[in-house]
N, C-alpha and C. Protein backbone atom coordinates (compact mmCIF):
# COMPACT_ATOMS: atom_id res chain seq x y z
N MET A 1 140.64 48.60 108.68
CA MET A 1 139.80 48.66 107.18
C MET A 1 140.63 49.12 106.07
N ALA A 2 140.59 47.85 105.28
CA ALA A 2 141.42 48.17 103.94
C ALA A 2 140.57 49.41 102.93
N LYS A 3 141.74 50.34 102.43
CA LYS A 3 140.93 51.42 101.58
C LYS A 3 140.88 50.91 100.00
N ILE A 4 140.26 51.96 99.11
CA ILE A 4 140.14 51.45 98.00
C ILE A 4 140.76 52.69 97.14
N ARG A 5 141.61 52.47 96.22
CA ARG A 5 142.33 53.22 95.05
C ARG A 5 141.39 53.81 94.02
N VAL A 6 140.80 54.93 93.94
CA VAL A 6 139.98 55.79 93.24
C VAL A 6 141.01 56.62 91.70
N GLU A 7 140.60 56.14 90.54
CA GLU A 7 140.96 57.07 89.56
C GLU A 7 139.85 57.26 88.74
N THR A 8 139.41 58.94 88.95
CA THR A 8 138.38 59.58 88.50
C THR A 8 138.89 60.66 87.99
N THR A 9 137.96 61.23 86.85
CA THR A 9 138.21 62.82 86.64
C THR A 9 137.12 63.73 87.21
N ILE A 10 137.36 64.69 88.02
CA ILE A 10 136.44 65.56 88.71
C ILE A 10 136.69 66.90 87.98
N ASN A 11 135.56 67.41 87.43
CA ASN A 11 135.75 68.68 86.87
C ASN A 11 136.85 68.96 86.14
N GLY A 12 136.95 67.71 85.10
CA GLY A 12 138.02 67.72 83.79
C GLY A 12 139.24 67.42 84.40
N GLU A 13 139.51 67.24 85.85
CA GLU A 13 141.28 66.93 86.35
C GLU A 13 141.08 65.46 87.01
N GLU A 14 142.32 64.96 86.20
CA GLU A 14 142.42 63.18 86.73
C GLU A 14 142.70 63.49 88.13
N THR A 15 141.83 62.63 88.70
CA THR A 15 141.97 62.82 90.32
C THR A 15 142.50 61.40 91.06
N GLU A 16 142.97 61.33 91.84
CA GLU A 16 143.50 59.58 92.46
C GLU A 16 142.97 60.08 94.30
N PHE A 17 142.24 59.33 94.70
CA PHE A 17 142.54 59.23 96.24
C PHE A 17 141.94 57.84 96.56
N LEU A 18 142.16 57.51 97.80
CA LEU A 18 141.78 56.31 98.73
C LEU A 18 140.66 56.56 99.45
N CYS A 19 139.85 55.61 99.70
CA CYS A 19 138.38 55.76 100.14
C CYS A 19 137.84 54.33 100.89
N ALA A 20 137.35 54.60 102.15
CA ALA A 20 136.69 53.14 102.64
C ALA A 20 135.54 52.82 101.67
N GLY A 21 135.26 51.30 101.46
CA GLY A 21 134.22 50.96 100.58
C GLY A 21 132.56 51.55 100.80
N ASP A 22 132.59 52.23 102.37
CA ASP A 22 131.29 52.53 102.76
C ASP A 22 131.08 54.07 102.51
N GLN A 23 132.39 54.87 102.25
CA GLN A 23 132.61 56.23 101.95
C GLN A 23 131.70 56.62 100.74
N SER A 24 130.95 57.61 101.04
CA SER A 24 130.09 58.57 100.23
C SER A 24 131.00 59.54 99.17
N LEU A 25 130.53 59.49 98.11
CA LEU A 25 130.93 60.59 97.30
C LEU A 25 131.22 62.32 97.87
N LEU A 26 129.80 62.32 98.58
CA LEU A 26 129.86 63.64 99.21
C LEU A 26 131.06 63.47 100.38
N ASP A 27 131.13 63.07 101.19
CA ASP A 27 132.03 62.75 102.13
C ASP A 27 133.51 62.96 101.50
N VAL A 28 133.86 62.35 100.62
CA VAL A 28 135.11 62.19 99.99
C VAL A 28 135.42 63.51 99.21
N LEU A 29 134.30 63.81 98.28
CA LEU A 29 134.39 65.65 98.05
C LEU A 29 134.79 66.59 99.07
N ARG A 30 133.96 66.53 100.44
CA ARG A 30 134.13 67.72 101.03
C ARG A 30 135.35 67.64 101.98
N ASN A 31 135.53 66.44 102.53
CA ASN A 31 136.61 65.84 103.73
C ASN A 31 137.87 65.41 102.99
N ASP A 32 137.75 65.00 102.05
CA ASP A 32 139.00 64.21 101.65
C ASP A 32 139.74 65.19 100.40
N LEU A 33 138.97 65.89 99.53
CA LEU A 33 139.49 66.45 98.54
C LEU A 33 139.09 67.88 98.62
N GLY A 34 138.76 68.49 99.71
CA GLY A 34 138.47 70.29 100.08
C GLY A 34 137.67 70.71 99.18
N MET A 35 136.51 69.68 98.46
CA MET A 35 135.46 70.65 97.49
C MET A 35 134.55 71.02 98.27
N THR A 36 134.15 71.89 98.88
CA THR A 36 133.10 72.16 100.20
C THR A 36 132.20 72.49 99.49
N GLY A 37 132.15 72.78 98.18
CA GLY A 37 131.10 73.80 97.33
C GLY A 37 129.51 72.87 97.60
N THR A 38 129.86 71.65 97.19
CA THR A 38 128.60 70.75 97.46
C THR A 38 128.61 70.39 98.94
N LYS A 39 127.15 70.53 99.03
CA LYS A 39 126.59 71.01 100.74
C LYS A 39 125.78 69.39 100.81
N GLU A 40 126.01 69.26 102.33
CA GLU A 40 125.19 68.06 102.90
C GLU A 40 123.90 68.91 103.49
N GLY A 41 122.84 68.13 102.89
CA GLY A 41 121.38 68.74 103.24
C GLY A 41 120.85 67.65 104.18
N CYS A 42 120.50 66.38 103.82
CA CYS A 42 119.85 65.48 104.38
C CYS A 42 120.33 63.92 104.58
N ALA A 43 121.45 63.80 103.66
CA ALA A 43 122.24 62.50 103.67
C ALA A 43 121.59 61.55 103.74
N SER A 44 119.94 61.54 103.13
CA SER A 44 119.08 60.63 102.51
C SER A 44 118.83 60.72 100.79
N GLY A 45 119.34 61.45 100.23
CA GLY A 45 118.99 61.68 98.83
C GLY A 45 117.58 62.32 98.23
N ASP A 46 117.43 63.03 99.45
CA ASP A 46 115.73 63.60 99.24
C ASP A 46 115.84 65.22 98.99
N CYS A 47 117.17 65.61 99.24
CA CYS A 47 117.13 67.07 99.26
C CYS A 47 117.64 67.78 98.16
N GLY A 48 118.67 67.32 97.30
CA GLY A 48 119.19 67.88 96.10
C GLY A 48 120.36 68.71 96.24
N ALA A 49 120.77 69.18 97.69
CA ALA A 49 121.89 69.79 97.93
C ALA A 49 123.10 69.58 97.60
N CYS A 50 123.53 68.05 97.37
CA CYS A 50 124.43 67.75 97.21
C CYS A 50 124.54 66.81 95.50
N SER A 51 123.75 67.89 94.60
CA SER A 51 123.68 67.25 93.54
C SER A 51 124.98 67.49 92.63
N VAL A 52 125.35 66.25 91.94
CA VAL A 52 126.78 66.30 91.27
C VAL A 52 126.03 65.84 90.01
N ILE A 53 126.92 65.79 88.84
CA ILE A 53 126.65 64.83 87.72
C ILE A 53 128.38 63.95 87.87
N VAL A 54 127.67 62.70 87.47
CA VAL A 54 128.02 61.42 87.13
C VAL A 54 128.11 60.85 85.89
N ASP A 55 128.90 61.08 85.29
CA ASP A 55 128.75 60.55 83.26
C ASP A 55 127.60 60.89 82.73
N ASP A 56 127.48 62.44 83.17
CA ASP A 56 126.27 62.74 82.71
C ASP A 56 124.97 62.60 83.30
N ARG A 57 125.14 61.95 84.29
CA ARG A 57 123.78 62.17 84.97
C ARG A 57 123.61 62.66 86.78
N LEU A 58 122.56 63.22 86.61
CA LEU A 58 122.65 63.91 87.69
C LEU A 58 122.08 63.03 88.88
N VAL A 59 122.87 62.94 89.93
CA VAL A 59 123.04 62.04 91.08
C VAL A 59 122.91 62.79 92.63
N PRO A 60 122.53 62.31 93.59
CA PRO A 60 122.89 62.97 94.70
C PRO A 60 124.07 62.21 95.33
N ALA A 61 125.11 62.91 95.59
CA ALA A 61 126.48 62.74 96.06
C ALA A 61 126.11 61.86 97.16
N CYS A 62 125.52 62.23 98.07
CA CYS A 62 125.06 61.41 99.63
C CYS A 62 124.47 59.91 99.43
N LEU A 63 124.32 59.59 98.07
CA LEU A 63 124.18 58.18 97.69
C LEU A 63 125.00 57.39 96.75
N VAL A 64 125.75 58.31 96.42
CA VAL A 64 126.96 57.13 95.87
C VAL A 64 128.01 56.96 96.52
N LEU A 65 128.43 55.93 96.25
CA LEU A 65 129.98 55.66 96.87
C LEU A 65 130.85 55.80 96.33
N ALA A 66 131.86 56.58 97.11
CA ALA A 66 132.89 57.20 95.84
C ALA A 66 134.07 56.23 95.39
N ALA A 67 133.71 54.79 95.65
CA ALA A 67 134.54 53.95 94.79
C ALA A 67 133.80 53.71 93.65
N GLU A 68 132.77 53.67 93.77
CA GLU A 68 131.78 53.84 92.53
C GLU A 68 132.39 54.90 90.82
N THR A 69 132.92 55.87 91.77
CA THR A 69 133.41 56.66 90.70
C THR A 69 134.80 56.69 89.99
N ASP A 70 135.15 55.16 90.29
CA ASP A 70 136.51 54.61 89.51
C ASP A 70 136.40 54.59 88.49
N GLY A 71 137.10 55.40 87.33
CA GLY A 71 137.30 55.51 86.11
C GLY A 71 135.77 56.04 85.41
N ARG A 72 135.32 57.01 86.26
CA ARG A 72 134.04 57.86 85.81
C ARG A 72 134.60 59.46 85.59
N LYS A 73 133.56 60.18 85.15
CA LYS A 73 133.35 61.80 85.20
C LYS A 73 132.74 62.32 86.25
N VAL A 74 132.80 62.98 87.06
CA VAL A 74 132.10 63.96 87.90
C VAL A 74 132.38 65.40 87.74
N GLN A 75 131.34 65.92 88.12
CA GLN A 75 131.15 67.33 87.63
C GLN A 75 130.68 67.82 89.04
N THR A 76 131.05 68.66 89.54
CA THR A 76 130.59 69.30 90.96
C THR A 76 130.33 70.83 90.85
N ILE A 77 129.92 71.56 91.60
CA ILE A 77 129.51 72.99 91.44
C ILE A 77 130.95 73.66 91.03
N GLU A 78 132.28 73.28 91.96
CA GLU A 78 133.16 73.68 91.51
C GLU A 78 133.65 73.67 90.01
N GLY A 79 133.07 72.70 89.39
CA GLY A 79 133.14 72.80 87.84
C GLY A 79 132.48 73.58 86.86
N VAL A 80 131.56 73.99 87.40
CA VAL A 80 130.69 74.81 86.63
C VAL A 80 131.20 76.26 86.08
N ALA A 81 131.47 77.00 86.86
CA ALA A 81 132.20 78.46 86.42
C ALA A 81 133.14 77.96 85.50
N LYS A 82 133.64 79.26 84.43
CA LYS A 82 134.56 78.71 83.52
C LYS A 82 136.02 79.91 83.98
N GLY A 83 136.56 79.12 85.04
CA GLY A 83 137.57 80.62 85.49
C GLY A 83 136.68 81.57 86.58
N LYS A 84 136.96 82.75 86.29
CA LYS A 84 136.59 83.82 87.37
C LYS A 84 135.15 84.20 86.70
N ARG A 85 134.67 83.84 85.66
CA ARG A 85 133.18 84.06 84.75
C ARG A 85 132.04 83.46 85.22
N LEU A 86 131.30 83.82 85.68
CA LEU A 86 129.93 83.15 86.06
C LEU A 86 129.22 82.83 85.00
N THR A 87 128.52 81.50 85.01
CA THR A 87 127.87 81.17 83.81
C THR A 87 126.58 82.00 83.98
N PRO A 88 125.66 82.02 83.06
CA PRO A 88 124.16 82.36 82.54
C PRO A 88 123.27 82.20 84.13
N ILE A 89 123.52 80.82 84.48
CA ILE A 89 122.44 80.35 85.56
C ILE A 89 123.19 80.94 86.90
N GLN A 90 124.50 80.96 87.14
CA GLN A 90 125.12 81.65 88.43
C GLN A 90 124.66 82.99 88.23
N GLN A 91 124.69 83.95 87.35
CA GLN A 91 124.66 85.02 87.23
C GLN A 91 123.04 85.61 87.73
N LYS A 92 121.92 84.65 86.94
CA LYS A 92 120.80 84.90 86.88
C LYS A 92 119.95 84.66 88.46
N PHE A 93 120.90 83.75 89.04
CA PHE A 93 120.54 83.39 90.39
C PHE A 93 120.74 84.49 91.17
N LEU A 94 121.95 85.28 91.17
CA LEU A 94 122.26 86.26 91.81
C LEU A 94 121.02 87.56 91.52
N GLU A 95 120.96 87.83 90.13
CA GLU A 95 119.99 88.98 89.85
C GLU A 95 118.66 88.77 90.40
N HIS A 96 118.45 87.76 90.14
CA HIS A 96 116.85 87.40 90.66
C HIS A 96 116.81 86.81 92.23
N GLY A 97 117.59 86.77 93.10
CA GLY A 97 117.59 86.59 94.49
C GLY A 97 117.13 84.77 94.61
N GLY A 98 117.83 84.39 93.71
CA GLY A 98 117.60 82.80 93.85
C GLY A 98 118.34 82.08 95.00
N LEU A 99 118.74 82.82 95.71
CA LEU A 99 119.57 82.14 96.62
C LEU A 99 119.55 83.06 97.94
N GLN A 100 119.53 82.13 99.23
CA GLN A 100 119.75 83.05 100.34
C GLN A 100 120.83 82.46 101.32
N CYS A 101 120.35 81.35 102.02
CA CYS A 101 121.21 80.83 103.23
C CYS A 101 122.62 79.95 101.92
N GLY A 102 122.28 79.38 100.96
CA GLY A 102 123.36 78.86 100.08
C GLY A 102 123.57 77.41 99.98
N ILE A 103 122.61 76.64 101.09
CA ILE A 103 122.78 75.36 101.33
C ILE A 103 122.45 74.54 100.31
N CYS A 104 121.13 74.97 99.47
CA CYS A 104 120.59 74.30 98.44
C CYS A 104 121.07 74.98 97.15
N THR A 105 121.69 75.99 97.19
CA THR A 105 122.24 76.51 95.88
C THR A 105 123.10 75.79 95.11
N PRO A 106 124.14 75.33 95.40
CA PRO A 106 124.90 74.45 94.61
C PRO A 106 124.15 73.47 94.04
N GLY A 107 123.58 72.80 94.61
CA GLY A 107 122.53 71.71 93.77
C GLY A 107 121.52 72.17 92.99
N PHE A 108 121.08 73.20 93.38
CA PHE A 108 120.20 73.71 92.26
C PHE A 108 120.67 74.17 91.22
N ILE A 109 121.86 74.84 91.28
CA ILE A 109 122.67 75.44 89.89
C ILE A 109 123.46 74.24 89.14
N VAL A 110 123.90 73.27 89.53
CA VAL A 110 124.33 71.86 89.03
C VAL A 110 123.22 71.30 88.52
N ALA A 111 122.07 71.15 88.97
CA ALA A 111 120.87 70.69 88.03
C ALA A 111 120.24 71.42 87.18
N ALA A 112 120.36 72.74 87.35
CA ALA A 112 119.50 73.85 86.45
C ALA A 112 120.65 73.59 84.89
N GLU A 113 121.97 73.65 85.25
CA GLU A 113 122.97 73.22 84.23
C GLU A 113 122.79 71.94 83.58
N LYS A 114 122.20 71.15 84.09
CA LYS A 114 122.21 69.75 83.32
C LYS A 114 120.78 69.93 82.69
N LEU A 115 119.51 70.81 83.13
CA LEU A 115 118.49 70.85 82.72
C LEU A 115 118.29 71.33 81.21
N LEU A 116 119.29 72.55 81.15
CA LEU A 116 119.60 73.56 80.00
C LEU A 116 120.30 72.99 79.30
N GLU A 117 121.38 71.87 79.47
CA GLU A 117 122.23 71.21 78.67
C GLU A 117 121.24 70.15 77.87
N THR A 118 120.06 69.47 78.78
CA THR A 118 119.26 68.86 78.06
C THR A 118 118.06 69.36 77.04
N ASN A 119 117.52 70.59 77.73
CA ASN A 119 116.60 71.15 77.14
C ASN A 119 116.57 72.74 77.25
N PRO A 120 117.28 73.49 76.44
CA PRO A 120 117.95 74.70 76.27
C PRO A 120 116.60 75.75 76.67
N ASP A 121 115.22 74.95 76.37
CA ASP A 121 114.12 75.97 76.04
C ASP A 121 112.95 75.28 77.20
N PRO A 122 113.25 75.18 78.41
CA PRO A 122 111.65 74.31 79.04
C PRO A 122 110.67 75.45 79.26
N THR A 123 109.94 75.05 79.67
CA THR A 123 108.73 75.57 79.97
C THR A 123 108.75 75.66 81.41
N GLU A 124 108.14 76.87 82.12
CA GLU A 124 107.86 76.81 83.58
C GLU A 124 107.64 75.62 83.96
N GLU A 125 106.89 74.67 83.46
CA GLU A 125 106.54 73.43 83.96
C GLU A 125 107.31 72.57 84.26
N GLU A 126 107.96 72.56 82.79
CA GLU A 126 109.55 71.59 82.97
C GLU A 126 110.18 71.82 83.68
N ALA A 127 110.70 73.18 83.94
CA ALA A 127 111.78 73.72 84.82
C ALA A 127 111.28 73.28 86.51
N ARG A 128 110.24 73.44 86.47
CA ARG A 128 110.02 73.09 87.71
C ARG A 128 109.69 71.55 88.13
N TYR A 129 109.28 70.93 87.10
CA TYR A 129 109.44 69.39 87.45
C TYR A 129 110.87 68.64 87.64
N TYR A 130 111.54 69.33 86.46
CA TYR A 130 113.03 68.98 86.43
C TYR A 130 113.78 69.19 87.96
N LEU A 131 113.69 70.10 88.21
CA LEU A 131 114.44 70.63 89.88
C LEU A 131 113.71 70.27 91.10
N ALA A 132 112.42 69.37 90.71
CA ALA A 132 111.55 68.98 92.08
C ALA A 132 112.26 68.42 92.80
N GLY A 133 113.30 67.57 92.80
CA GLY A 133 114.13 67.04 93.85
C GLY A 133 115.01 67.82 94.36
N ASN A 134 115.00 69.01 94.28
CA ASN A 134 115.82 69.79 95.31
C ASN A 134 115.05 71.26 95.81
N LEU A 135 115.15 70.67 97.16
CA LEU A 135 114.50 71.82 98.15
C LEU A 135 115.22 73.00 98.48
N CYS A 136 114.32 74.13 99.15
CA CYS A 136 115.14 75.01 99.19
C CYS A 136 113.73 75.56 100.46
N ARG A 137 114.33 75.88 101.46
CA ARG A 137 113.55 76.59 102.88
C ARG A 137 113.51 77.90 102.75
N CYS A 138 114.27 78.42 102.13
CA CYS A 138 114.48 79.99 102.19
C CYS A 138 113.85 81.03 101.37
N THR A 139 114.35 80.64 99.88
CA THR A 139 113.87 81.50 98.92
C THR A 139 112.12 81.39 98.15
N GLY A 140 111.81 80.15 98.64
CA GLY A 140 110.64 80.02 97.79
C GLY A 140 111.02 79.54 96.59
N TYR A 141 110.30 78.82 95.30
CA TYR A 141 110.82 78.58 94.22
C TYR A 141 110.75 79.56 93.15
N ASP A 142 109.98 80.28 93.18
CA ASP A 142 109.65 81.47 92.19
C ASP A 142 110.82 82.14 91.51
N LYS A 143 111.84 82.60 92.48
CA LYS A 143 112.90 83.49 92.15
C LYS A 143 113.59 82.45 91.66
N ILE A 144 114.18 81.11 91.90
CA ILE A 144 115.02 79.80 91.54
C ILE A 144 114.25 79.82 89.83
N ILE A 145 112.97 79.31 89.70
CA ILE A 145 112.46 79.34 88.70
C ILE A 145 112.61 80.32 87.49
N ARG A 146 112.17 81.52 88.10
CA ARG A 146 112.70 82.80 87.04
C ARG A 146 114.06 82.66 86.61
N ALA A 147 114.79 82.49 87.51
CA ALA A 147 116.39 82.53 87.55
C ALA A 147 116.80 81.80 86.04
N VAL A 148 116.25 80.35 86.24
CA VAL A 148 116.72 79.44 85.43
C VAL A 148 115.89 79.85 84.15
N LEU A 149 114.89 80.02 84.03
CA LEU A 149 114.11 80.46 82.84
C LEU A 149 114.83 81.69 81.96
N ASP A 150 114.86 82.73 82.54
CA ASP A 150 115.95 83.95 82.24
C ASP A 150 117.18 83.54 81.67
N ALA A 151 118.27 82.66 82.40
CA ALA A 151 119.37 81.86 82.01
C ALA A 151 119.06 81.44 80.81
N ALA A 152 118.39 80.46 80.63
CA ALA A 152 117.85 79.76 79.27
C ALA A 152 117.67 80.69 78.28
N ALA A 153 117.06 81.76 78.38
CA ALA A 153 117.10 82.82 77.48
C ALA A 153 118.04 83.53 77.18
N VAL A 154 118.82 83.82 78.03
CA VAL A 154 120.40 84.39 77.81
C VAL A 154 121.34 83.25 76.97
N MET A 155 121.20 81.85 77.26
CA MET A 155 121.75 81.30 76.81
C MET A 155 121.42 80.64 75.24
N ARG A 156 120.20 80.65 74.89
CA ARG A 156 119.76 80.85 73.54
C ARG A 156 120.12 81.78 72.70
N GLU A 157 120.09 82.78 73.16
CA GLU A 157 120.54 84.16 72.36
C GLU A 157 122.01 84.13 72.27
N GLU A 158 122.85 83.58 73.35
CA GLU A 158 124.36 83.53 72.86
C GLU A 158 124.64 82.52 72.07
N GLY A 159 123.79 81.52 71.94
CA GLY A 159 124.32 80.41 71.19
C GLY A 159 123.65 80.68 69.40
N ALA A 160 122.69 81.98 69.54
CA ALA A 160 122.38 82.20 68.28
C ALA A 160 123.42 82.97 67.55
């Protein structure tokens, strides 16, 4: 089977890889590029564990063909932190205990970053609605929502 050459930008770095036409972005990220932060939860786009941002749009990497990212920008969980410094969302997930087994955490953090980029002052209802595509079996959602709302407050304060 012929491979497709893809040139894309992942987490701000120009990246080039070869992939099969039916290979998912999730598969390429994890298996070919060694970016194992993005997790596979369901492989059907239902759980949000593999959430990434492609050209400013939150998407499940398991449903995006890797070849579709040619010429596009991709952000994964590896691209969230700035060096070794945690973002307010990452820090608040730790402080509020918004993570346990870690399978859903990267997807929640990527989705929460996108939420707060588009809505820096969400209500609890707005945060719950936005993150409804991300499933967690361990923490329950209250700790996650509290972490996101607390991070939003910190980010607004830092921006002031």
